[in-house]
Amino acid sequence: MTEEKTPATSAGQIAPKFNPPPKARKKGKKGKIIKTIITLVVLAAILGGGGYGLWYFVLRPEPVEQGEIYAVPAEIGSIKSTADGSGSAKAKESAAITLTEGGEVRELFVAAGDRVTAGQPLYTIYSETAEKAVTDAQEKVNTLNQELAELQADVGDLTVRAPFSGKLINVQEFSADQQVSEGTQIATLVNDKKLKLSLYFSYGYENSIAVGQSATVSLTSMMQDYTGTVEKINKVSYITPEGAVHFEVVVVFDNPGTLTEGMEASASIHLADGSVAYPYAAGRIAFYESQAVLTKASGPVRTANLLNYANVKAGDVLLTLGSDTIDDAIRAKQQEISTAQEALNTARQALSNFNATAPIDGVITACTLTEGAQVKSGDTVIIISNTTTMLVNITVDDLNISFIKPGDTVDLDWNGTTYVGTVTSIDMNNAESGNGMTNFPVTLTVDNADGSLIEGAWLNYSFVTSQSDECVMIPGSAVKNVTDKDGNACTVVFVQAEEKPDEALELNLPEPQEGQKRTYPTEEEGYYPVPVETGISDNQNAEIKSGLEAGQMVFVNYTVTDFSSGY
């Protein structure tokens, strides 16, 4: 009989075939090869398919090489930890001119992109409505101010003052809260420091007596003379019983303090030719000045300073009246004036917008005007931005906000151009929270004298939160977070050493799957995991506060040696 091979009927099964007795089977080289093939086929079938299993055990490529260790020495240096983020820029100062009434553009002196200075003319627009609004508002303010002045005059009338210095006589008595009417006489004020005497002289002396001439005043009862002066001459016609016509001469003299009104006196006037002129008859002394003191308003008595024969000075308060009505009226009028003044200011501003000048230095970033065009109320026609100083608004989270304060500087970058921002304000009251973090608005001021930073620019920022100088530092990727054999988390650095250090840990490291590289070096390669305490870090390096000394070689990673394998 001859031996036949039957192909497999299905994956994992071999079709029945004839096999000779054991002693009849040839045990040569050919038989060994057949056995090897059969074994591989069966094994491949067991592993899930003849073709895949055959590839896996026979045709798969060799595992990739582990690669060489890349190690560096720990160094002494400086390291900074920074906070990063971004924010937008805008002009620190800007002004927009918006019209309150319509009109026609008469002249236009600027265009978008022009640089202007404060006070520079921008345009002229004619608006009859705006001009009339200013006129009406001004008239309203003037009328109200006049009404207020009248009310304040009424308040002044509530206080009665001495019109001149002198002595009070015929004083009236008043009680507190007594109602007094307007025009009430409260006293008579007389000037008794000087006295006057009215006498009549014959018209025969008309050309001989003049104002300023000296006169001798004689008091009949006291038999004493006083020196006086002719103060006034009145060319009246006083006719005596004898039929003679006389004119009036008023002589004034100082009161020595012992004379009073009503005393009989006469006076002789010394003429230029040496003769003396005498009056027709003696007269009566009168106070030089006398005036009835009257109230100019009505109201209840608040204070009274009135005493008979009391000497007072001009302006002294004699009587004070009260009036709640006037006080209320004044307050109401002042409020009316304030409202009217605001309306006037608004009207003036509106009119100035029709003959506008630049309110600030800056660049015209928008201009909608053309000469001859009609504009309407509400149009914003000019926008000026002063970009020599820019504001950059950023947000800083609650982890880093404590590291900056007003006056600190922040590094800024916009498309590769660097700027320096100064912290001008930190708004702690308007923070926004979300995703487990709170962000605080921070405003930076940036010098932009060259105008290179534009409005709307989005800048990246960074500032130092901590810094360590003269510290031990290594690449951050050399620091490994692993677990020890007891499952405890620990931070280690794989240090190159000839012998295992006393502080080296026993780690629970995962074994790499077949065809994959190891992540960590082995003791056979001369590296041991030692625990370290880390400090601050930046994008490249990490500070080692303890557990490592400068100069020690530390494992970073394995270098790649084969890029051909895709498995």
Protein backbone atom coordinates (compact mmCIF):
# COMPACT_ATOMS: atom_id res chain seq x y z
CA MET A 1 0.00 0.00 0.00
CA THR A 2 1.18 3.58 -0.65
CA GLU A 3 0.93 6.52 1.87
CA GLU A 4 -1.44 9.38 1.02
CA LYS A 5 -1.78 12.84 2.67
CA THR A 6 -5.23 14.28 2.95
CA PRO A 7 -5.57 18.07 3.31
CA ALA A 8 -7.12 19.54 6.42
CA THR A 9 -10.93 19.78 6.18
CA SER A 10 -11.27 22.71 8.56
CA ALA A 11 -9.21 24.91 10.81
CA GLY A 12 -8.11 22.96 13.85
CA GLN A 13 -8.91 19.48 12.32
CA ILE A 14 -6.83 17.04 10.26
CA ALA A 15 -8.57 14.66 7.83
CA PRO A 16 -8.17 10.88 8.58
CA LYS A 17 -5.29 9.21 6.79
CA PHE A 18 -3.59 5.85 6.70
CA ASN A 19 -0.54 5.35 8.91
CA PRO A 20 1.67 2.20 8.77
CA PRO A 21 2.49 0.24 11.88
CA PRO A 22 5.23 1.76 13.96
CA LYS A 23 7.83 -0.79 13.06
CA ALA A 24 7.19 -0.31 9.39
CA ARG A 25 7.73 3.55 9.63
CA LYS A 26 11.01 4.77 8.25
CA LYS A 27 12.98 6.73 10.79
CA GLY A 28 15.19 8.83 8.49
CA LYS A 29 15.85 12.56 7.95
CA LYS A 30 12.84 12.79 5.73
CA GLY A 31 10.61 11.57 8.51
CA LYS A 32 11.90 14.19 10.92
CA ILE A 33 11.13 16.99 8.50
CA ILE A 34 7.60 15.68 8.00
CA LYS A 35 7.06 15.50 11.73
CA THR A 36 8.25 19.08 12.16
CA ILE A 37 5.90 20.38 9.48
CA ILE A 38 2.95 18.47 10.93
CA THR A 39 3.69 19.84 14.39
CA LEU A 40 3.82 23.42 13.11
CA VAL A 41 0.60 23.00 11.19
CA VAL A 42 -1.20 21.55 14.19
CA LEU A 43 0.13 24.28 16.45
CA ALA A 44 -0.89 26.95 13.98
CA ALA A 45 -4.39 25.51 13.83
CA ILE A 46 -4.65 25.51 17.59
CA LEU A 47 -3.62 29.20 17.76
CA GLY A 48 -6.48 30.30 15.53
CA GLY A 49 -5.74 29.66 11.89
CA GLY A 50 -3.11 27.97 9.86
CA GLY A 51 -1.96 31.02 7.86
CA TYR A 52 -1.65 33.49 10.81
CA GLY A 53 0.04 30.99 13.10
CA LEU A 54 2.54 30.07 10.39
CA TRP A 55 3.36 33.80 9.96
CA TYR A 56 3.66 34.37 13.69
CA PHE A 57 6.06 31.54 14.38
CA VAL A 58 7.95 31.37 11.13
CA LEU A 59 7.67 34.59 9.14
CA ARG A 60 7.37 37.40 11.78
CA PRO A 61 10.32 39.89 11.95
CA GLU A 62 12.89 39.97 14.71
CA PRO A 63 12.03 42.18 17.76
CA VAL A 64 13.19 45.83 17.60
CA GLU A 65 16.38 46.68 19.41
CA GLN A 66 16.14 48.30 22.84
CA GLY A 67 18.30 51.27 21.88
CA GLU A 68 21.08 53.02 23.73
CA ILE A 69 20.69 54.73 27.08
CA TYR A 70 20.62 58.50 26.97
CA ALA A 71 21.91 59.86 30.27
CA VAL A 72 23.02 63.34 31.42
CA PRO A 73 24.76 64.64 34.53
CA ALA A 74 22.84 66.61 37.16
CA GLU A 75 23.83 70.28 36.94
CA ILE A 76 23.86 73.37 39.13
CA GLY A 77 21.84 76.22 37.68
CA SER A 78 18.82 78.49 37.93
CA ILE A 79 15.26 77.49 37.15
CA LYS A 80 12.05 79.47 36.93
CA SER A 81 8.45 78.37 37.14
CA THR A 82 6.07 80.50 35.06
CA ALA A 83 2.35 81.00 34.59
CA ASP A 84 1.13 81.29 31.01
CA GLY A 85 -2.00 82.44 29.23
CA SER A 86 -3.29 84.90 26.67
CA GLY A 87 -5.29 88.11 26.38
CA SER A 88 -6.39 90.83 23.94
CA ALA A 89 -5.09 94.37 23.41
CA LYS A 90 -7.02 97.59 23.12
CA ALA A 91 -6.19 101.30 23.14
CA LYS A 92 -5.91 102.79 26.63
CA GLU A 93 -7.80 105.90 25.52
CA SER A 94 -10.39 106.33 22.82
CA ALA A 95 -13.16 108.78 21.96
CA ALA A 96 -16.22 108.48 19.77
CA ILE A 97 -18.16 111.46 18.42
CA THR A 98 -21.88 110.76 18.06
CA LEU A 99 -24.39 113.27 16.68
CA THR A 100 -27.55 114.20 18.56
CA GLU A 101 -29.21 115.98 15.65
CA GLY A 102 -29.11 115.72 11.88
CA GLY A 103 -27.38 118.15 9.54
CA GLU A 104 -25.28 118.69 6.42
CA VAL A 105 -21.53 118.14 6.30
CA ARG A 106 -20.01 121.48 5.22
CA GLU A 107 -16.27 120.79 5.66
CA LEU A 108 -14.19 117.68 6.41
CA PHE A 109 -10.57 118.11 7.48
CA VAL A 110 -9.48 114.52 8.29
CA ALA A 111 -9.72 110.94 7.07
CA ALA A 112 -9.39 107.49 8.58
CA GLY A 113 -5.79 106.72 9.48
CA ASP A 114 -4.83 110.35 10.13
CA ARG A 115 -3.00 111.16 13.35
CA VAL A 116 -4.53 114.12 15.18
CA THR A 117 -3.83 116.16 18.29
CA ALA A 118 -6.33 117.33 20.89
CA GLY A 119 -8.09 120.50 19.72
CA GLN A 120 -7.45 119.92 16.03
CA PRO A 121 -10.52 120.71 13.84
CA LEU A 122 -12.20 117.62 12.39
CA TYR A 123 -15.24 118.82 10.46
CA THR A 124 -18.07 121.35 10.26
CA ILE A 125 -21.74 120.36 10.12
CA TYR A 126 -24.60 122.87 10.01
CA SER A 127 -27.53 122.05 12.27
CA GLU A 128 -30.16 124.69 12.99
CA THR A 129 -31.81 122.41 15.53
CA ALA A 130 -28.61 122.02 17.57
CA GLU A 131 -27.98 125.78 17.63
CA LYS A 132 -31.54 126.53 18.75
CA ALA A 133 -31.27 123.90 21.49
CA VAL A 134 -28.28 125.73 22.98
CA THR A 135 -30.03 129.12 22.84
CA ASP A 136 -33.19 127.80 24.51
CA ALA A 137 -31.23 125.95 27.19
CA GLN A 138 -29.15 129.05 28.01
CA GLU A 139 -32.26 131.20 28.35
CA LYS A 140 -33.77 128.66 30.70
CA VAL A 141 -30.68 128.67 32.93
CA ASN A 142 -30.59 132.50 32.98
CA THR A 143 -34.24 132.75 33.99
CA LEU A 144 -33.84 130.24 36.80
CA ASN A 145 -30.72 131.99 38.12
CA GLN A 146 -32.61 135.28 38.26
CA GLU A 147 -35.45 133.60 40.16
CA LEU A 148 -32.95 132.11 42.58
CA ALA A 149 -31.34 135.52 43.13
CA GLU A 150 -34.74 136.94 44.02
CA LEU A 151 -35.37 134.14 46.49
CA GLN A 152 -31.96 134.65 48.06
CA ALA A 153 -32.72 138.37 48.30
CA ASP A 154 -35.89 137.42 50.14
CA VAL A 155 -33.76 135.38 52.53
CA GLY A 156 -31.58 138.44 53.05
CA ASP A 157 -34.68 140.45 53.83
CA LEU A 158 -35.43 138.10 56.74
CA THR A 159 -32.38 139.55 58.51
CA VAL A 160 -32.65 143.23 59.51
CA ARG A 161 -29.24 144.96 59.74
CA ALA A 162 -28.15 148.43 60.80
CA PRO A 163 -27.89 150.58 57.64
CA PHE A 164 -25.14 152.78 59.19
CA SER A 165 -23.30 153.26 62.45
CA GLY A 166 -25.21 155.10 65.09
CA LYS A 167 -27.53 154.83 68.10
CA LEU A 168 -30.85 153.03 68.41
CA ILE A 169 -33.82 154.92 69.73
CA ASN A 170 -37.54 154.25 69.85
CA VAL A 171 -36.81 150.50 70.02
CA GLN A 172 -39.79 148.10 69.85
CA GLU A 173 -39.95 144.96 71.96
CA PHE A 174 -40.40 141.51 70.35
CA SER A 175 -40.87 138.01 71.78
CA ALA A 176 -39.61 134.73 70.33
CA ASP A 177 -41.75 133.37 67.45
CA GLN A 178 -43.79 136.57 67.39
CA GLN A 179 -45.20 137.01 63.89
CA VAL A 180 -43.96 140.22 62.33
CA SER A 181 -45.37 141.77 59.19
CA GLU A 182 -43.37 143.29 56.33
CA GLY A 183 -42.81 147.03 56.83
CA THR A 184 -42.92 146.96 60.65
CA GLN A 185 -40.75 149.63 62.29
CA ILE A 186 -38.47 148.00 64.85
CA ALA A 187 -36.40 151.07 65.86
CA THR A 188 -35.00 154.40 64.76
CA LEU A 189 -31.30 154.59 64.02
CA VAL A 190 -29.65 157.99 64.43
CA ASN A 191 -26.14 159.27 63.79
CA ASP A 192 -25.52 161.38 66.89
CA LYS A 193 -21.76 161.67 66.38
CA LYS A 194 -22.49 164.76 64.31
CA LEU A 195 -25.26 167.31 64.66
CA LYS A 196 -26.78 169.76 62.22
CA LEU A 197 -28.45 173.13 62.62
CA SER A 198 -30.77 174.69 60.02
CA LEU A 199 -30.85 178.54 60.02
CA TYR A 200 -32.21 181.27 57.70
CA PHE A 201 -30.10 184.19 56.45
CA SER A 202 -31.08 187.27 54.52
CA TYR A 203 -30.63 187.16 50.78
CA GLY A 204 -28.36 190.10 51.32
CA TYR A 205 -25.71 187.47 52.20
CA GLU A 206 -26.50 185.33 49.15
CA ASN A 207 -23.14 185.94 47.52
CA SER A 208 -21.17 186.05 50.74
CA ILE A 209 -22.02 182.68 52.28
CA ALA A 210 -20.67 179.48 50.61
CA VAL A 211 -20.41 175.78 51.38
CA GLY A 212 -17.31 175.02 53.44
CA GLN A 213 -17.21 178.34 55.31
CA SER A 214 -16.53 178.22 59.02
CA ALA A 215 -19.30 178.96 61.49
CA THR A 216 -19.52 179.41 65.24
CA VAL A 217 -22.39 177.50 66.84
CA SER A 218 -23.74 178.85 70.13
CA LEU A 219 -26.07 177.01 72.47
CA THR A 220 -28.30 179.43 74.30
CA SER A 221 -28.82 177.22 77.34
CA MET A 222 -25.20 176.22 77.81
CA MET A 223 -23.51 179.52 76.92
CA GLN A 224 -20.85 177.52 74.99
CA ASP A 225 -19.61 177.83 71.41
CA TYR A 226 -18.66 175.05 68.96
CA THR A 227 -16.93 175.24 65.60
CA GLY A 228 -19.03 174.13 62.63
CA THR A 229 -19.00 174.18 58.83
CA VAL A 230 -21.51 175.26 56.23
CA GLU A 231 -22.51 171.98 54.59
CA LYS A 232 -25.47 172.98 52.44
CA ILE A 233 -27.20 176.11 51.10
CA ASN A 234 -30.81 175.89 49.98
CA LYS A 235 -32.07 178.88 47.97
CA VAL A 236 -35.62 178.79 49.40
CA SER A 237 -37.89 181.74 50.14
CA TYR A 238 -38.47 181.95 53.87
CA ILE A 239 -40.45 185.13 54.54
CA THR A 240 -40.36 186.64 58.01
CA PRO A 241 -43.29 188.46 59.63
CA GLU A 242 -41.50 191.63 58.72
CA GLY A 243 -41.73 190.72 55.05
CA ALA A 244 -38.02 189.95 54.45
CA VAL A 245 -37.00 186.97 52.26
CA HIS A 246 -34.37 184.53 53.61
CA PHE A 247 -32.54 181.36 52.34
CA GLU A 248 -31.60 178.25 54.32
CA VAL A 249 -28.07 177.44 55.52
CA VAL A 250 -27.28 174.07 57.14
CA VAL A 251 -24.36 174.07 59.55
CA VAL A 252 -22.77 170.82 60.72
CA PHE A 253 -20.61 170.32 63.86
CA ASP A 254 -19.28 167.46 65.94
CA ASN A 255 -21.18 166.32 69.01
CA PRO A 256 -18.95 166.38 72.08
CA GLY A 257 -21.21 163.71 73.48
CA THR A 258 -23.35 165.94 75.65
CA LEU A 259 -25.67 167.40 73.05
CA THR A 260 -28.84 165.94 71.65
CA GLU A 261 -31.60 166.68 69.24
CA GLY A 262 -34.00 169.54 70.01
CA MET A 263 -31.62 171.89 71.83
CA GLU A 264 -31.88 175.56 70.82
CA ALA A 265 -28.82 176.98 69.08
CA SER A 266 -27.68 179.70 66.70
CA ALA A 267 -24.65 180.22 64.46
CA SER A 268 -22.67 183.14 63.09
CA ILE A 269 -20.73 182.93 59.84
CA HIS A 270 -17.47 184.77 59.32
CA LEU A 271 -17.48 186.45 55.91
CA ALA A 272 -14.53 187.13 53.65
CA ASP A 273 -14.59 190.89 54.29
CA GLY A 274 -14.15 190.34 58.03
CA SER A 275 -17.75 190.97 58.90
CA VAL A 276 -20.07 188.47 60.56
CA ALA A 277 -23.48 187.29 59.27
CA TYR A 278 -26.17 186.35 61.75
CA PRO A 279 -29.35 184.36 61.10
CA TYR A 280 -32.86 185.72 61.37
CA ALA A 281 -33.53 183.57 64.45
CA ALA A 282 -32.13 180.63 66.44
CA GLY A 283 -32.97 177.10 65.44
CA ARG A 284 -33.16 173.60 66.89
CA ILE A 285 -30.30 171.01 66.77
CA ALA A 286 -31.11 167.82 64.84
CA PHE A 287 -29.27 164.49 64.50
CA TYR A 288 -27.02 164.50 61.46
CA GLU A 289 -28.73 161.31 60.18
CA SER A 290 -31.91 159.53 61.24
CA GLN A 291 -33.68 156.55 59.69
CA ALA A 292 -36.60 154.35 60.65
CA VAL A 293 -35.51 150.68 60.58
CA LEU A 294 -38.24 148.57 58.93
CA THR A 295 -38.68 144.86 58.21
CA LYS A 296 -38.62 143.91 54.51
CA ALA A 297 -40.29 140.51 54.93
CA SER A 298 -42.73 138.80 57.22
CA GLY A 299 -42.13 135.83 59.49
CA PRO A 300 -41.71 134.64 63.06
CA VAL A 301 -39.03 136.27 65.21
CA ARG A 302 -35.95 134.11 65.67
CA THR A 303 -33.50 136.54 67.29
CA ALA A 304 -33.68 140.22 68.40
CA ASN A 305 -30.75 142.47 69.35
CA LEU A 306 -32.61 145.68 70.12
CA LEU A 307 -31.84 148.03 73.04
CA ASN A 308 -32.76 151.68 73.39
CA TYR A 309 -29.76 154.01 73.03
CA ALA A 310 -27.45 151.13 72.08
CA ASN A 311 -24.57 152.06 69.81
CA VAL A 312 -24.36 149.82 66.70
CA LYS A 313 -22.12 149.54 63.66
CA ALA A 314 -23.21 149.42 60.04
CA GLY A 315 -24.22 145.81 59.15
CA ASP A 316 -24.91 144.69 62.72
CA VAL A 317 -27.86 142.22 62.91
CA LEU A 318 -30.80 143.79 64.70
CA LEU A 319 -33.60 141.26 64.05
CA THR A 320 -33.82 137.81 62.42
CA LEU A 321 -37.03 136.31 61.04
CA GLY A 322 -37.64 132.74 59.91
CA SER A 323 -39.30 131.26 56.81
CA ASP A 324 -39.38 127.54 55.96
CA THR A 325 -41.27 128.37 52.78
CA ILE A 326 -38.39 130.36 51.29
CA ASP A 327 -35.84 127.68 52.24
CA ASP A 328 -37.90 125.02 50.48
CA ALA A 329 -38.33 127.26 47.46
CA ILE A 330 -34.58 127.86 47.24
CA ARG A 331 -33.80 124.14 47.37
CA ALA A 332 -36.35 123.43 44.67
CA LYS A 333 -34.99 126.26 42.50
CA GLN A 334 -31.41 125.00 42.90
CA GLN A 335 -32.51 121.56 41.69
CA GLU A 336 -34.22 123.14 38.70
CA ILE A 337 -31.03 125.02 37.87
CA SER A 338 -28.94 121.84 38.14
CA THR A 339 -31.24 120.03 35.73
CA ALA A 340 -31.29 122.99 33.34
CA GLN A 341 -27.49 123.26 33.45
CA GLU A 342 -27.15 119.60 32.54
CA ALA A 343 -29.46 120.17 29.60
CA LEU A 344 -27.36 123.18 28.56
CA ASN A 345 -24.13 121.18 28.81
CA THR A 346 -25.68 118.43 26.70
CA ALA A 347 -26.86 120.94 24.10
CA ARG A 348 -23.42 122.58 23.99
CA GLN A 349 -21.73 119.22 23.58
CA ALA A 350 -24.16 118.33 20.83
CA LEU A 351 -23.41 121.62 19.06
CA SER A 352 -19.66 121.11 19.48
CA ASN A 353 -20.06 117.77 17.75
CA PHE A 354 -21.20 119.71 14.68
CA ASN A 355 -18.04 121.83 14.76
CA ALA A 356 -15.86 119.17 16.24
CA THR A 357 -12.26 119.26 17.37
CA ALA A 358 -10.28 116.20 18.41
CA PRO A 359 -10.93 115.53 22.11
CA ILE A 360 -7.69 113.52 22.48
CA ASP A 361 -4.40 112.85 20.73
CA GLY A 362 -4.54 109.73 18.60
CA VAL A 363 -5.28 108.08 15.28
CA ILE A 364 -8.65 108.28 13.52
CA THR A 365 -9.73 104.67 13.36
CA ALA A 366 -13.13 105.38 11.79
CA CYS A 367 -14.66 108.26 9.81
CA THR A 368 -18.06 107.98 8.10
CA LEU A 369 -18.32 111.57 6.83
CA THR A 370 -18.12 112.98 3.31
CA GLU A 371 -18.57 116.62 2.37
CA GLY A 372 -22.10 117.51 1.31
CA ALA A 373 -23.61 114.39 2.87
CA GLN A 374 -26.57 114.48 5.22
CA VAL A 375 -26.12 112.95 8.67
CA LYS A 376 -28.75 112.02 11.18
CA SER A 377 -29.14 111.88 14.92
CA GLY A 378 -27.40 108.91 16.52
CA ASP A 379 -24.67 108.59 13.88
CA THR A 380 -21.19 107.89 15.27
CA VAL A 381 -19.12 109.82 12.74
CA ILE A 382 -15.57 109.79 14.15
CA ILE A 383 -13.64 107.38 16.40
CA ILE A 384 -10.18 108.34 17.68
CA SER A 385 -7.87 105.91 19.48
CA ASN A 386 -4.70 106.83 21.33
CA THR A 387 -2.59 103.72 20.80
CA THR A 388 0.68 105.06 22.25
CA THR A 389 -0.33 103.19 25.39
CA MET A 390 -2.26 99.93 25.10
CA LEU A 391 -4.19 97.89 27.61
CA VAL A 392 -3.97 94.10 27.54
CA ASN A 393 -6.72 92.30 29.42
CA ILE A 394 -5.75 88.84 30.67
CA THR A 395 -7.11 86.36 33.20
CA VAL A 396 -5.00 84.59 35.80
CA ASP A 397 -6.22 81.52 37.66
CA ASP A 398 -6.42 81.15 41.41
CA LEU A 399 -3.24 79.04 41.52
CA ASN A 400 -1.10 81.90 40.21
CA ILE A 401 -2.94 85.13 41.09
CA SER A 402 -0.99 85.48 44.35
CA PHE A 403 2.29 85.71 42.42
CA ILE A 404 1.54 89.10 40.83
CA LYS A 405 0.58 92.52 42.14
CA PRO A 406 0.14 96.02 40.66
CA GLY A 407 3.47 97.31 39.38
CA ASP A 408 4.84 93.88 38.41
CA THR A 409 5.90 93.24 34.81
CA VAL A 410 4.60 90.47 32.55
CA ASP A 411 6.27 89.18 29.38
CA LEU A 412 4.06 89.37 26.27
CA ASP A 413 4.43 87.89 22.82
CA TRP A 414 2.46 88.67 19.67
CA ASN A 415 3.43 86.72 16.57
CA GLY A 416 7.07 86.63 17.66
CA THR A 417 7.24 90.29 18.72
CA THR A 418 7.85 90.73 22.44
CA TYR A 419 6.41 93.43 24.69
CA VAL A 420 6.49 94.15 28.39
CA GLY A 421 3.24 94.73 30.25
CA THR A 422 2.91 96.39 33.64
CA VAL A 423 0.15 95.21 35.98
CA THR A 424 -2.12 98.21 36.61
CA SER A 425 -5.13 96.52 38.21
CA ILE A 426 -6.32 93.15 39.51
CA ASP A 427 -10.10 92.82 39.79
CA MET A 428 -10.66 90.53 42.75
CA ASN A 429 -14.40 91.26 42.82
CA ASN A 430 -15.34 90.04 39.33
CA ALA A 431 -13.68 86.64 39.16
CA GLU A 432 -15.28 83.91 37.04
CA SER A 433 -15.42 80.30 38.21
CA GLY A 434 -15.75 77.13 36.17
CA ASN A 435 -14.26 73.67 35.74
CA GLY A 436 -12.95 73.74 39.29
CA MET A 437 -10.93 76.91 38.74
CA THR A 438 -11.41 80.63 39.37
CA ASN A 439 -10.02 83.21 36.93
CA PHE A 440 -9.34 86.82 37.89
CA PRO A 441 -9.33 89.73 35.37
CA VAL A 442 -5.95 91.49 35.24
CA THR A 443 -5.19 94.66 33.25
CA LEU A 444 -1.72 95.33 31.84
CA THR A 445 -0.40 98.62 30.44
CA VAL A 446 1.95 98.35 27.45
CA ASP A 447 4.10 101.13 25.98
CA ASN A 448 3.33 101.25 22.25
CA ALA A 449 5.11 104.41 21.14
CA ASP A 450 6.00 102.86 17.78
CA GLY A 451 2.38 101.81 17.16
CA SER A 452 3.37 98.21 16.35
CA LEU A 453 0.73 96.70 18.65
CA ILE A 454 -2.77 97.04 17.22
CA GLU A 455 -6.21 96.87 18.76
CA GLY A 456 -7.65 93.38 18.89
CA ALA A 457 -4.22 91.69 18.90
CA TRP A 458 -4.19 88.42 20.84
CA LEU A 459 -1.03 88.08 22.93
CA ASN A 460 0.49 85.25 24.94
CA TYR A 461 1.70 86.17 28.42
CA SER A 462 4.01 84.62 30.99
CA PHE A 463 5.33 85.67 34.36
CA VAL A 464 7.56 84.05 36.94
CA THR A 465 5.73 82.42 39.84
CA SER A 466 8.87 81.06 41.56
CA GLN A 467 12.59 80.88 40.98
CA SER A 468 15.41 78.79 42.42
CA ASP A 469 19.05 79.77 41.93
CA GLU A 470 22.15 77.58 42.38
CA CYS A 471 20.00 74.47 42.57
CA VAL A 472 20.51 70.88 41.36
CA MET A 473 18.52 70.38 38.18
CA ILE A 474 17.98 67.66 35.59
CA PRO A 475 15.74 67.21 32.55
CA GLY A 476 12.12 66.92 33.64
CA SER A 477 11.73 63.66 31.69
CA ALA A 478 14.39 62.07 33.94
CA VAL A 479 12.01 62.28 36.88
CA LYS A 480 9.87 59.14 37.05
CA ASN A 481 6.68 58.59 39.03
CA VAL A 482 6.46 54.88 39.86
CA THR A 483 5.32 52.48 42.60
CA ASP A 484 7.54 50.42 44.86
CA LYS A 485 7.16 46.72 45.50
CA ASP A 486 4.62 47.47 48.24
CA GLY A 487 2.47 49.51 45.85
CA ASN A 488 3.41 52.91 47.29
CA ALA A 489 3.72 55.84 44.87
CA CYS A 490 7.16 57.37 44.76
CA THR A 491 9.25 59.79 42.70
CA VAL A 492 12.64 58.45 41.60
CA VAL A 493 15.58 59.15 39.37
CA PHE A 494 17.57 56.27 37.84
CA VAL A 495 21.16 57.00 38.85
CA GLN A 496 24.20 55.37 37.24
CA ALA A 497 26.33 53.63 39.87
CA GLU A 498 28.88 50.79 40.04
CA GLU A 499 27.11 49.36 43.06
CA LYS A 500 23.55 49.51 44.23
CA PRO A 501 23.11 52.61 46.45
CA ASP A 502 21.81 52.08 49.96
CA GLU A 503 18.81 54.32 49.25
CA ALA A 504 17.85 52.53 46.03
CA LEU A 505 14.25 51.29 45.97
CA GLU A 506 12.73 48.01 44.89
CA LEU A 507 10.16 48.93 42.29
CA ASN A 508 7.09 47.23 40.95
CA LEU A 509 7.72 47.86 37.25
CA PRO A 510 5.54 46.37 34.50
CA GLU A 511 7.23 43.93 32.16
CA PRO A 512 7.22 45.08 28.52
CA GLN A 513 5.16 43.02 26.11
CA GLU A 514 6.99 41.03 23.48
CA GLY A 515 8.18 43.32 20.68
CA GLN A 516 8.04 46.44 22.89
CA LYS A 517 10.91 48.34 24.47
CA ARG A 518 11.53 48.72 28.16
CA THR A 519 10.78 52.10 29.65
CA TYR A 520 13.20 51.95 32.55
CA PRO A 521 16.84 50.82 32.72
CA THR A 522 17.92 47.73 34.66
CA GLU A 523 20.54 47.10 37.27
CA GLU A 524 22.45 45.05 34.70
CA GLU A 525 22.78 48.31 32.73
CA GLY A 526 24.20 50.03 35.82
CA TYR A 527 21.22 52.20 36.83
CA TYR A 528 19.35 52.19 40.13
CA PRO A 529 16.15 54.01 41.19
CA VAL A 530 16.75 56.42 44.09
CA PRO A 531 14.02 58.55 45.69
CA VAL A 532 14.20 62.32 45.19
CA GLU A 533 12.37 65.42 46.36
CA THR A 534 11.49 67.75 43.50
CA GLY A 535 11.01 71.50 43.55
CA ILE A 536 9.89 73.85 40.80
CA SER A 537 10.06 73.02 37.11
CA ASP A 538 9.89 74.72 33.76
CA ASN A 539 9.25 73.39 30.26
CA GLN A 540 12.56 71.50 30.21
CA ASN A 541 14.13 71.05 33.63
CA ALA A 542 13.14 70.11 37.16
CA GLU A 543 14.68 71.15 40.45
CA ILE A 544 15.92 68.33 42.72
CA LYS A 545 15.84 69.50 46.31
CA SER A 546 17.22 66.26 47.83
CA GLY A 547 18.30 62.75 46.85
CA LEU A 548 20.72 63.74 44.05
CA GLU A 549 24.02 65.55 43.79
CA ALA A 550 25.48 67.58 40.97
CA GLY A 551 27.54 65.50 38.58
CA GLN A 552 25.66 62.23 39.05
CA MET A 553 24.58 60.66 35.76
CA VAL A 554 20.82 60.16 35.47
CA PHE A 555 18.85 58.11 32.98
CA VAL A 556 16.63 60.15 30.64
CA ASN A 557 15.39 57.64 28.04
CA TYR A 558 16.42 55.11 25.42
CA THR A 559 17.49 56.40 22.03
CA VAL A 560 15.65 55.12 18.95
CA THR A 561 17.83 52.84 16.78
CA ASP A 562 15.34 51.22 14.39
CA PHE A 563 12.50 52.95 12.58
CA SER A 564 11.79 50.08 10.11
CA SER A 565 9.54 48.02 12.30
CA GLY A 566 5.91 48.92 12.39
CA TYR A 567 4.94 46.29 14.91
